């Protein structure tokens, strides 16, 4: 029976802490609710924009790696290392160099 009591009291304390947490995070007014909703929407839109840019750049970088692999007969890891090293040496964004490789065929 003591195990049963312990599990019941644990459940009660968890539900108490959950309701306490929920009451702290709930907005008190409609205005607060709307402001929080707008902030979440802005955050979601920003995240979607960043993911879209990352997807576009990753495709360009992948294409550049493929071009370097074919032209120089090197492995994927070697092609990425060359692209990364050139980016650091020239202090230029990796995706910018990748686009130049895709457009021109050389690094």
Protein backbone atom coordinates (compact mmCIF):
# COMPACT_ATOMS: atom_id res chain seq x y z
CA UNK A 1 0.00 0.00 0.00
CA UNK A 2 2.83 2.43 0.65
CA UNK A 3 3.96 2.14 -2.97
CA UNK A 4 0.46 2.96 -4.10
CA UNK A 5 0.35 6.05 -1.88
CA UNK A 6 3.76 7.18 -3.13
CA UNK A 7 2.71 6.89 -6.76
CA UNK A 8 -0.57 8.72 -6.05
CA UNK A 9 1.22 11.54 -4.26
CA UNK A 10 3.78 11.77 -7.08
CA UNK A 11 0.96 12.01 -9.62
CA UNK A 12 -0.74 14.71 -7.55
CA UNK A 13 2.46 16.71 -7.22
CA UNK A 14 3.14 16.41 -10.97
CA UNK A 15 -0.37 17.57 -11.85
CA UNK A 16 -0.06 20.43 -9.33
CA UNK A 17 3.24 21.55 -10.84
CA UNK A 18 1.83 21.24 -14.37
CA UNK A 19 -1.20 23.35 -13.53
CA UNK A 20 1.04 25.87 -11.78
CA UNK A 21 3.30 26.01 -14.83
CA UNK A 22 0.34 26.41 -17.16
CA UNK A 23 -1.12 29.21 -15.07
CA UNK A 24 2.20 31.07 -15.23
CA UNK A 25 2.40 30.86 -19.01
CA UNK A 26 -1.21 31.76 -19.78
CA UNK A 27 -1.74 35.34 -20.84
CA UNK A 28 -4.07 37.27 -18.59
CA UNK A 29 -5.65 39.49 -21.23
CA UNK A 30 -6.70 39.12 -24.82
CA UNK A 31 -4.07 41.67 -25.79
CA UNK A 32 -1.30 39.60 -24.17
CA UNK A 33 -2.62 36.50 -25.90
CA UNK A 34 -2.61 38.22 -29.29
CA UNK A 35 0.88 39.65 -28.75
CA UNK A 36 2.23 36.21 -27.84
CA UNK A 37 0.50 34.68 -30.86
CA UNK A 38 2.00 37.31 -33.17
CA UNK A 39 5.47 36.71 -31.70
CA UNK A 40 5.11 32.97 -32.29
CA UNK A 41 3.96 33.66 -35.86
CA UNK A 42 6.94 35.96 -36.50
CA UNK A 43 9.31 33.32 -35.10
CA UNK A 44 7.76 30.64 -37.31
CA UNK A 45 8.01 32.79 -40.41
CA UNK A 46 11.66 33.61 -39.67
CA UNK A 47 12.45 29.94 -39.14
CA UNK A 48 10.75 29.00 -42.42
CA UNK A 49 12.75 31.67 -44.25
CA UNK A 50 16.03 30.44 -42.77
CA UNK A 51 15.21 26.83 -43.67
CA UNK A 52 14.35 27.84 -47.23
CA UNK A 53 17.69 29.64 -47.63
CA UNK A 54 19.56 26.70 -46.11
CA UNK A 55 17.86 24.31 -48.52
CA UNK A 56 18.71 26.46 -51.52
CA UNK A 57 22.35 26.81 -50.47
CA UNK A 58 22.76 23.13 -49.68
CA UNK A 59 21.65 22.23 -53.20
CA UNK A 60 24.16 24.67 -54.70
CA UNK A 61 26.95 23.36 -52.48
CA UNK A 62 26.05 19.77 -53.38
CA UNK A 63 26.09 20.61 -57.08
CA UNK A 64 29.48 22.30 -56.73
CA UNK A 65 30.85 19.26 -54.94
CA UNK A 66 29.61 17.10 -57.80
CA UNK A 67 31.25 19.37 -60.39
CA UNK A 68 34.58 19.28 -58.53
CA UNK A 69 34.36 15.51 -58.16
CA UNK A 70 33.79 15.03 -61.88
CA UNK A 71 36.31 17.59 -63.09
CA UNK A 72 39.15 16.72 -60.73
CA UNK A 73 38.41 13.01 -60.17
CA UNK A 74 38.33 13.38 -56.38
CA UNK A 75 36.08 12.05 -53.63
CA UNK A 76 33.11 13.88 -52.16
CA UNK A 77 35.00 14.62 -48.94
CA UNK A 78 37.99 15.98 -50.88
CA UNK A 79 35.74 18.18 -53.01
CA UNK A 80 34.02 19.61 -49.94
CA UNK A 81 37.37 20.19 -48.23
CA UNK A 82 38.65 22.07 -51.29
CA UNK A 83 35.54 24.21 -51.40
CA UNK A 84 35.72 24.91 -47.65
CA UNK A 85 39.44 25.73 -47.74
CA UNK A 86 38.96 28.10 -50.69
CA UNK A 87 36.12 29.78 -48.83
CA UNK A 88 38.31 30.37 -45.78
CA UNK A 89 41.36 31.43 -47.80
CA UNK A 90 39.36 33.98 -49.79
CA UNK A 91 37.19 34.98 -46.83
CA UNK A 92 34.05 34.41 -48.89
CA UNK A 93 30.83 32.58 -48.19
CA UNK A 94 30.92 28.91 -49.10
CA UNK A 95 27.67 29.07 -51.04
CA UNK A 96 28.97 32.02 -53.13
CA UNK A 97 32.02 30.02 -54.20
CA UNK A 98 29.80 27.01 -54.78
CA UNK A 99 27.64 29.04 -57.16
CA UNK A 100 30.75 30.15 -59.06
CA UNK A 101 31.87 26.51 -59.38
CA UNK A 102 28.45 25.51 -60.67
CA UNK A 103 28.43 28.41 -63.14
CA UNK A 104 32.06 28.18 -64.28
CA UNK A 105 33.10 24.59 -63.66
CA UNK A 106 36.26 25.45 -61.70
CA UNK A 107 37.16 26.63 -58.23
